[in-house]
PDB file of N, CA and C in Angstrom:
ATOM      1  N   ASP A   1      30.413  70.170 -52.371  1.00  0.00           N
ATOM      2  CA  ASP A   1      29.343  70.892 -51.710  1.00  0.00           C
ATOM      3  C   ASP A   1      29.955  71.766 -50.604  1.00  0.00           C
ATOM      4  N   PHE A   2      29.781  73.050 -50.736  1.00  0.00           N
ATOM      5  CA  PHE A   2      30.335  73.998 -49.761  1.00  0.00           C
ATOM      6  C   PHE A   2      29.759  73.758 -48.364  1.00  0.00           C
ATOM      7  N   TYR A   3      28.493  73.364 -48.312  1.00  0.00           N
ATOM      8  CA  TYR A   3      27.830  73.182 -47.018  1.00  0.00           C
ATOM      9  C   TYR A   3      28.410  71.991 -46.260  1.00  0.00           C
ATOM     10  N   LEU A   4      28.751  70.944 -46.982  1.00  0.00           N
ATOM     11  CA  LEU A   4      29.371  69.783 -46.349  1.00  0.00           C
ATOM     12  C   LEU A   4      30.767  70.149 -45.844  1.00  0.00           C
ATOM     13  N   LEU A   5      31.526  70.881 -46.642  1.00  0.00           N
ATOM     14  CA  LEU A   5      32.854  71.323 -46.216  1.00  0.00           C
ATOM     15  C   LEU A   5      32.750  72.180 -44.957  1.00  0.00           C
ATOM     16  N   ARG A   6      31.819  73.115 -44.934  1.00  0.00           N
ATOM     17  CA  ARG A   6      31.661  73.990 -43.765  1.00  0.00           C
ATOM     18  C   ARG A   6      31.311  73.179 -42.523  1.00  0.00           C
ATOM     19  N   LYS A   7      30.427  72.206 -42.686  1.00  0.00           N
ATOM     20  CA  LYS A   7      30.020  71.354 -41.566  1.00  0.00           C
ATOM     21  C   LYS A   7      31.226  70.596 -41.000  1.00  0.00           C
ATOM     22  N   ILE A   8      32.062  70.060 -41.882  1.00  0.00           N
ATOM     23  CA  ILE A   8      33.256  69.323 -41.460  1.00  0.00           C
ATOM     24  C   ILE A   8      34.246  70.248 -40.752  1.00  0.00           C
ATOM     25  N   LEU A   9      34.443  71.439 -41.300  1.00  0.00           N
ATOM     26  CA  LEU A   9      35.365  72.388 -40.662  1.00  0.00           C
ATOM     27  C   LEU A   9      34.859  72.815 -39.286  1.00  0.00           C
ATOM     28  N   LEU A  10      33.560  73.053 -39.166  1.00  0.00           N
ATOM     29  CA  LEU A  10      32.987  73.417 -37.862  1.00  0.00           C
ATOM     30  C   LEU A  10      33.198  72.302 -36.838  1.00  0.00           C
ATOM     31  N   LYS A  11      33.033  71.077 -37.285  1.00  0.00           N
ATOM     32  CA  LYS A  11      33.169  69.932 -36.385  1.00  0.00           C
ATOM     33  C   LYS A  11      34.623  69.718 -35.964  1.00  0.00           C
ATOM     34  N   ASN A  12      35.548  69.866 -36.901  1.00  0.00           N
ATOM     35  CA  ASN A  12      36.945  69.567 -36.619  1.00  0.00           C
ATOM     36  C   ASN A  12      37.749  70.742 -36.076  1.00  0.00           C
ATOM     37  N   PHE A  13      37.214  71.938 -36.218  1.00  0.00           N
ATOM     38  CA  PHE A  13      37.891  73.136 -35.715  1.00  0.00           C
ATOM     39  C   PHE A  13      36.893  73.980 -34.913  1.00  0.00           C
ATOM     40  N   PRO A  14      36.440  73.467 -33.774  1.00  0.00           N
ATOM     41  CA  PRO A  14      35.385  74.161 -33.028  1.00  0.00           C
ATOM     42  C   PRO A  14      35.797  75.527 -32.469  1.00  0.00           C
ATOM     43  N   TYR A  15      37.094  75.780 -32.351  1.00  0.00           N
ATOM     44  CA  TYR A  15      37.542  77.047 -31.780  1.00  0.00           C
ATOM     45  C   TYR A  15      37.987  78.049 -32.836  1.00  0.00           C
ATOM     46  N   HIS A  16      37.677  77.775 -34.084  1.00  0.00           N
ATOM     47  CA  HIS A  16      38.001  78.680 -35.179  1.00  0.00           C
ATOM     48  C   HIS A  16      36.708  79.212 -35.795  1.00  0.00           C
ATOM     49  N   ILE A  17      36.783  80.391 -36.329  1.00  0.00           N
ATOM     50  CA  ILE A  17      35.610  80.979 -36.987  1.00  0.00           C
ATOM     51  C   ILE A  17      35.575  80.500 -38.432  1.00  0.00           C
ATOM     52  N   VAL A  18      34.507  79.801 -38.767  1.00  0.00           N
ATOM     53  CA  VAL A  18      34.299  79.343 -40.142  1.00  0.00           C
ATOM     54  C   VAL A  18      33.333  80.341 -40.782  1.00  0.00           C
ATOM     55  N   PRO A  19      33.734  80.941 -41.905  1.00  0.00           N
ATOM     56  CA  PRO A  19      32.871  81.947 -42.535  1.00  0.00           C
ATOM     57  C   PRO A  19      31.486  81.379 -42.882  1.00  0.00           C
ATOM     58  N   PRO A  20      30.470  82.227 -42.845  1.00  0.00           N
ATOM     59  CA  PRO A  20      29.115  81.766 -43.181  1.00  0.00           C
ATOM     60  C   PRO A  20      28.959  81.547 -44.685  1.00  0.00           C
ATOM     61  N   LEU A  21      27.924  80.814 -45.026  1.00  0.00           N
ATOM     62  CA  LEU A  21      27.575  80.585 -46.432  1.00  0.00           C
ATOM     63  C   LEU A  21      26.184  81.143 -46.694  1.00  0.00           C
ATOM     64  N   PRO A  22      25.920  81.562 -47.916  1.00  0.00           N
ATOM     65  CA  PRO A  22      24.577  82.057 -48.234  1.00  0.00           C
ATOM     66  C   PRO A  22      23.579  80.910 -48.267  1.00  0.00           C
ATOM     67  N   ALA A  23      22.336  81.226 -47.981  1.00  0.00           N
ATOM     68  CA  ALA A  23      21.280  80.222 -48.015  1.00  0.00           C
ATOM     69  C   ALA A  23      20.980  79.823 -49.457  1.00  0.00           C
ATOM     70  N   LYS A  24      20.639  78.551 -49.633  1.00  0.00           N
ATOM     71  CA  LYS A  24      20.248  78.076 -50.958  1.00  0.00           C
ATOM     72  C   LYS A  24      18.812  78.493 -51.213  1.00  0.00           C
ATOM     73  N   LYS A  25      18.540  78.886 -52.452  1.00  0.00           N
ATOM     74  CA  LYS A  25      17.187  79.258 -52.837  1.00  0.00           C
ATOM     75  C   LYS A  25      16.783  78.433 -54.041  1.00  0.00           C
ATOM     76  N   LYS A  26      15.499  78.100 -54.110  1.00  0.00           N
ATOM     77  CA  LYS A  26      15.017  77.289 -55.228  1.00  0.00           C
ATOM     78  C   LYS A  26      15.031  78.072 -56.527  1.00  0.00           C
ATOM     79  N   LYS A  27      14.512  79.270 -56.483  1.00  0.00           N
ATOM     80  CA  LYS A  27      14.450  80.087 -57.688  1.00  0.00           C
ATOM     81  C   LYS A  27      15.427  81.248 -57.521  1.00  0.00           C
ATOM     82  N   GLU A  28      16.442  81.248 -58.357  1.00  0.00           N
ATOM     83  CA  GLU A  28      17.453  82.290 -58.233  1.00  0.00           C
ATOM     84  C   GLU A  28      17.473  83.176 -59.469  1.00  0.00           C
ATOM     85  N   THR A  29      17.439  84.454 -59.227  1.00  0.00           N
ATOM     86  CA  THR A  29      17.568  85.422 -60.308  1.00  0.00           C
ATOM     87  C   THR A  29      19.056  85.633 -60.586  1.00  0.00           C
ATOM     88  N   GLU A  30      19.354  86.330 -61.640  1.00  0.00           N
ATOM     89  CA  GLU A  30      20.754  86.604 -61.959  1.00  0.00           C
ATOM     90  C   GLU A  30      21.405  87.425 -60.849  1.00  0.00           C
ATOM     91  N   LYS A  31      20.641  88.351 -60.289  1.00  0.00           N
ATOM     92  CA  LYS A  31      21.155  89.172 -59.186  1.00  0.00           C
ATOM     93  C   LYS A  31      21.473  88.296 -57.973  1.00  0.00           C
ATOM     94  N   ALA A  32      20.595  87.350 -57.676  1.00  0.00           N
ATOM     95  CA  ALA A  32      20.802  86.452 -56.537  1.00  0.00           C
ATOM     96  C   ALA A  32      22.007  85.545 -56.770  1.00  0.00           C
ATOM     97  N   ILE A  33      22.199  85.128 -58.004  1.00  0.00           N
ATOM     98  CA  ILE A  33      23.338  84.281 -58.335  1.00  0.00           C
ATOM     99  C   ILE A  33      24.642  85.050 -58.142  1.00  0.00           C
ATOM    100  N   LYS A  34      24.675  86.300 -58.578  1.00  0.00           N
ATOM    101  CA  LYS A  34      25.872  87.143 -58.398  1.00  0.00           C
ATOM    102  C   LYS A  34      26.173  87.335 -56.910  1.00  0.00           C
ATOM    103  N   LYS A  35      25.122  87.563 -56.127  1.00  0.00           N
ATOM    104  CA  LYS A  35      25.290  87.751 -54.687  1.00  0.00           C
ATOM    105  C   LYS A  35      25.814  86.471 -54.035  1.00  0.00           C
ATOM    106  N   ARG A  36      25.265  85.345 -54.436  1.00  0.00           N
ATOM    107  CA  ARG A  36      25.710  84.051 -53.912  1.00  0.00           C
ATOM    108  C   ARG A  36      27.176  83.797 -54.285  1.00  0.00           C
ATOM    109  N   GLU A  37      27.534  84.125 -55.503  1.00  0.00           N
ATOM    110  CA  GLU A  37      28.916  83.974 -55.951  1.00  0.00           C
ATOM    111  C   GLU A  37      29.867  84.822 -55.094  1.00  0.00           C
ATOM    112  N   LYS A  38      29.436  86.027 -54.778  1.00  0.00           N
ATOM    113  CA  LYS A  38      30.225  86.929 -53.936  1.00  0.00           C
ATOM    114  C   LYS A  38      30.446  86.308 -52.547  1.00  0.00           C
ATOM    115  N   TYR A  39      29.384  85.748 -51.961  1.00  0.00           N
ATOM    116  CA  TYR A  39      29.495  85.148 -50.633  1.00  0.00           C
ATOM    117  C   TYR A  39      30.330  83.868 -50.650  1.00  0.00           C
ATOM    118  N   LEU A  40      30.227  83.085 -51.715  1.00  0.00           N
ATOM    119  CA  LEU A  40      31.041  81.878 -51.819  1.00  0.00           C
ATOM    120  C   LEU A  40      32.522  82.241 -51.956  1.00  0.00           C
ATOM    121  N   THR A  41      32.794  83.328 -52.673  1.00  0.00           N
ATOM    122  CA  THR A  41      34.166  83.817 -52.796  1.00  0.00           C
ATOM    123  C   THR A  41      34.690  84.273 -51.442  1.00  0.00           C
ATOM    124  N   ARG A  42      33.866  84.964 -50.681  1.00  0.00           N
ATOM    125  CA  ARG A  42      34.261  85.395 -49.326  1.00  0.00           C
ATOM    126  C   ARG A  42      34.535  84.189 -48.436  1.00  0.00           C
ATOM    127  N   PHE A  43      33.700  83.170 -48.569  1.00  0.00           N
ATOM    128  CA  PHE A  43      33.877  81.946 -47.786  1.00  0.00           C
ATOM    129  C   PHE A  43      35.241  81.328 -48.088  1.00  0.00           C
ATOM    130  N   MET A  44      35.555  81.146 -49.362  1.00  0.00           N
ATOM    131  CA  MET A  44      36.821  80.527 -49.740  1.00  0.00           C
ATOM    132  C   MET A  44      38.015  81.405 -49.350  1.00  0.00           C
ATOM    133  N   SER A  45      37.871  82.711 -49.461  1.00  0.00           N
ATOM    134  CA  SER A  45      38.943  83.621 -49.052  1.00  0.00           C
ATOM    135  C   SER A  45      39.195  83.519 -47.550  1.00  0.00           C
ATOM    136  N   GLY A  46      38.122  83.442 -46.787  1.00  0.00           N
ATOM    137  CA  GLY A  46      38.246  83.295 -45.334  1.00  0.00           C
ATOM    138  C   GLY A  46      38.919  81.984 -44.953  1.00  0.00           C
ATOM    139  N   ILE A  47      38.580  80.925 -45.654  1.00  0.00           N
ATOM    140  CA  ILE A  47      39.206  79.625 -45.409  1.00  0.00           C
ATOM    141  C   ILE A  47      40.696  79.686 -45.751  1.00  0.00           C
ATOM    142  N   ALA A  48      41.018  80.343 -46.850  1.00  0.00           N
ATOM    143  CA  ALA A  48      42.403  80.419 -47.322  1.00  0.00           C
ATOM    144  C   ALA A  48      43.300  81.239 -46.394  1.00  0.00           C
ATOM    145  N   ARG A  49      42.720  82.131 -45.595  1.00  0.00           N
ATOM    146  CA  ARG A  49      43.516  82.958 -44.681  1.00  0.00           C
ATOM    147  C   ARG A  49      43.916  82.226 -43.399  1.00  0.00           C
ATOM    148  N   CYS A  50      43.260  81.148 -43.093  1.00  0.00           N
ATOM    149  CA  CYS A  50      43.515  80.426 -41.840  1.00  0.00           C
ATOM    150  C   CYS A  50      44.502  79.273 -42.083  1.00  0.00           C
ATOM    151  N   GLU A  51      45.615  79.292 -41.384  1.00  0.00           N
ATOM    152  CA  GLU A  51      46.653  78.263 -41.562  1.00  0.00           C
ATOM    153  C   GLU A  51      46.133  76.864 -41.229  1.00  0.00           C
ATOM    154  N   GLN A  52      45.323  76.745 -40.186  1.00  0.00           N
ATOM    155  CA  GLN A  52      44.801  75.437 -39.805  1.00  0.00           C
ATOM    156  C   GLN A  52      43.862  74.882 -40.876  1.00  0.00           C
ATOM    157  N   PHE A  53      43.033  75.732 -41.439  1.00  0.00           N
ATOM    158  CA  PHE A  53      42.128  75.281 -42.494  1.00  0.00           C
ATOM    159  C   PHE A  53      42.914  74.890 -43.744  1.00  0.00           C
ATOM    160  N   LYS A  54      43.902  75.713 -44.099  1.00  0.00           N
ATOM    161  CA  LYS A  54      44.670  75.443 -45.321  1.00  0.00           C
ATOM    162  C   LYS A  54      45.398  74.104 -45.256  1.00  0.00           C
ATOM    163  N   SER A  55      45.823  73.719 -44.068  1.00  0.00           N
ATOM    164  CA  SER A  55      46.545  72.457 -43.927  1.00  0.00           C
ATOM    165  C   SER A  55      45.621  71.290 -43.572  1.00  0.00           C
ATOM    166  N   SER A  56      44.339  71.536 -43.507  1.00  0.00           N
ATOM    167  CA  SER A  56      43.376  70.491 -43.168  1.00  0.00           C
ATOM    168  C   SER A  56      43.282  69.452 -44.282  1.00  0.00           C
ATOM    169  N   PRO A  57      43.401  68.179 -43.947  1.00  0.00           N
ATOM    170  CA  PRO A  57      43.261  67.148 -44.975  1.00  0.00           C
ATOM    171  C   PRO A  57      41.864  67.151 -45.603  1.00  0.00           C
ATOM    172  N   PHE A  58      40.876  67.623 -44.855  1.00  0.00           N
ATOM    173  CA  PHE A  58      39.515  67.680 -45.398  1.00  0.00           C
ATOM    174  C   PHE A  58      39.415  68.711 -46.518  1.00  0.00           C
ATOM    175  N   LEU A  59      40.009  69.873 -46.299  1.00  0.00           N
ATOM    176  CA  LEU A  59      39.986  70.906 -47.341  1.00  0.00           C
ATOM    177  C   LEU A  59      40.759  70.446 -48.568  1.00  0.00           C
ATOM    178  N   ILE A  60      41.898  69.838 -48.342  1.00  0.00           N
ATOM    179  CA  ILE A  60      42.719  69.365 -49.458  1.00  0.00           C
ATOM    180  C   ILE A  60      41.957  68.323 -50.270  1.00  0.00           C
ATOM    181  N   GLU A  61      41.327  67.385 -49.594  1.00  0.00           N
ATOM    182  CA  GLU A  61      40.542  66.364 -50.306  1.00  0.00           C
ATOM    183  C   GLU A  61      39.338  66.975 -51.010  1.00  0.00           C
ATOM    184  N   TRP A  62      38.699  67.941 -50.377  1.00  0.00           N
ATOM    185  CA  TRP A  62      37.541  68.605 -50.979  1.00  0.00           C
ATOM    186  C   TRP A  62      37.946  69.311 -52.268  1.00  0.00           C
ATOM    187  N   LEU A  63      39.104  69.942 -52.256  1.00  0.00           N
ATOM    188  CA  LEU A  63      39.588  70.638 -53.445  1.00  0.00           C
ATOM    189  C   LEU A  63      40.000  69.657 -54.549  1.00  0.00           C
ATOM    190  N   LYS A  64      40.511  68.513 -54.172  1.00  0.00           N
ATOM    191  CA  LYS A  64      40.977  67.541 -55.156  1.00  0.00           C
ATOM    192  C   LYS A  64      39.843  66.734 -55.788  1.00  0.00           C
ATOM    193  N   ASN A  65      38.781  66.473 -55.039  1.00  0.00           N
ATOM    194  CA  ASN A  65      37.713  65.595 -55.510  1.00  0.00           C
ATOM    195  C   ASN A  65      36.607  66.348 -56.233  1.00  0.00           C
ATOM    196  N   ASP A  66      36.260  65.837 -57.405  1.00  0.00           N
ATOM    197  CA  ASP A  66      35.116  66.375 -58.142  1.00  0.00           C
ATOM    198  C   ASP A  66      33.823  65.690 -57.713  1.00  0.00           C
ATOM    199  N   ASP A  67      33.946  64.481 -57.217  1.00  0.00           N
ATOM    200  CA  ASP A  67      32.778  63.679 -56.871  1.00  0.00           C
ATOM    201  C   ASP A  67      32.499  63.773 -55.372  1.00  0.00           C
ATOM    202  N   ILE A  68      31.310  64.205 -55.025  1.00  0.00           N
ATOM    203  CA  ILE A  68      30.939  64.365 -53.619  1.00  0.00           C
ATOM    204  C   ILE A  68      30.962  63.030 -52.882  1.00  0.00           C
ATOM    205  N   LYS A  69      30.672  61.947 -53.575  1.00  0.00           N
ATOM    206  CA  LYS A  69      30.676  60.626 -52.936  1.00  0.00           C
ATOM    207  C   LYS A  69      32.087  60.223 -52.516  1.00  0.00           C
ATOM    208  N   ASP A  70      33.084  60.568 -53.319  1.00  0.00           N
ATOM    209  CA  ASP A  70      34.469  60.289 -52.943  1.00  0.00           C
ATOM    210  C   ASP A  70      34.851  61.081 -51.697  1.00  0.00           C
ATOM    211  N   PHE A  71      34.409  62.325 -51.625  1.00  0.00           N
ATOM    212  CA  PHE A  71      34.702  63.154 -50.466  1.00  0.00           C
ATOM    213  C   PHE A  71      34.015  62.591 -49.218  1.00  0.00           C
ATOM    214  N   GLN A  72      32.808  62.122 -49.367  1.00  0.00           N
ATOM    215  CA  GLN A  72      32.094  61.535 -48.231  1.00  0.00           C
ATOM    216  C   GLN A  72      32.793  60.267 -47.723  1.00  0.00           C
ATOM    217  N   LYS A  73      33.407  59.517 -48.631  1.00  0.00           N
ATOM    218  CA  LYS A  73      34.173  58.334 -48.221  1.00  0.00           C
ATOM    219  C   LYS A  73      35.385  58.760 -47.384  1.00  0.00           C
ATOM    220  N   VAL A  74      36.036  59.838 -47.761  1.00  0.00           N
ATOM    221  CA  VAL A  74      37.177  60.358 -47.003  1.00  0.00           C
ATOM    222  C   VAL A  74      36.736  60.745 -45.593  1.00  0.00           C
ATOM    223  N   ILE A  75      35.596  61.410 -45.508  1.00  0.00           N
ATOM    224  CA  ILE A  75      35.064  61.830 -44.209  1.00  0.00           C
ATOM    225  C   ILE A  75      34.754  60.626 -43.330  1.00  0.00           C
ATOM    226  N   LYS A  76      34.085  59.637 -43.887  1.00  0.00           N
ATOM    227  CA  LYS A  76      33.741  58.431 -43.117  1.00  0.00           C
ATOM    228  C   LYS A  76      34.994  57.697 -42.645  1.00  0.00           C
ATOM    229  N   ALA A  77      36.009  57.633 -43.501  1.00  0.00           N
ATOM    230  CA  ALA A  77      37.252  56.956 -43.120  1.00  0.00           C
ATOM    231  C   ALA A  77      37.941  57.715 -41.987  1.00  0.00           C
ATOM    232  N   ALA A  78      37.878  59.024 -42.000  1.00  0.00           N
ATOM    233  CA  ALA A  78      38.507  59.832 -40.955  1.00  0.00           C
ATOM    234  C   ALA A  78      37.768  59.721 -39.631  1.00  0.00           C
ATOM    235  N   GLU A  79      36.480  59.455 -39.666  1.00  0.00           N
ATOM    236  CA  GLU A  79      35.689  59.352 -38.442  1.00  0.00           C
ATOM    237  C   GLU A  79      35.943  58.038 -37.716  1.00  0.00           C
ATOM    238  N   LYS A  80      36.478  57.043 -38.411  1.00  0.00           N
ATOM    239  CA  LYS A  80      36.712  55.734 -37.787  1.00  0.00           C
ATOM    240  C   LYS A  80      37.962  55.722 -36.950  1.00  0.00           C
TER     241      LYS A  80
END
């Protein structure tokens, strides 16, 4: 979930600019989906340009995990 990743990055890197994400919509047209895809690509590109984000264990785990529950376990373990 991109929104969970963004929330974690904002919390752990308060002095860095985390790119915005597009709002979720219930009913999406093909045009809206293309626009959302464009913004998600911009988000990931912005994350990839920052050395601190690229080396973040949260980003690495987010990229490695397909299951959101596994990623949430990583987050909870890091908060302890």
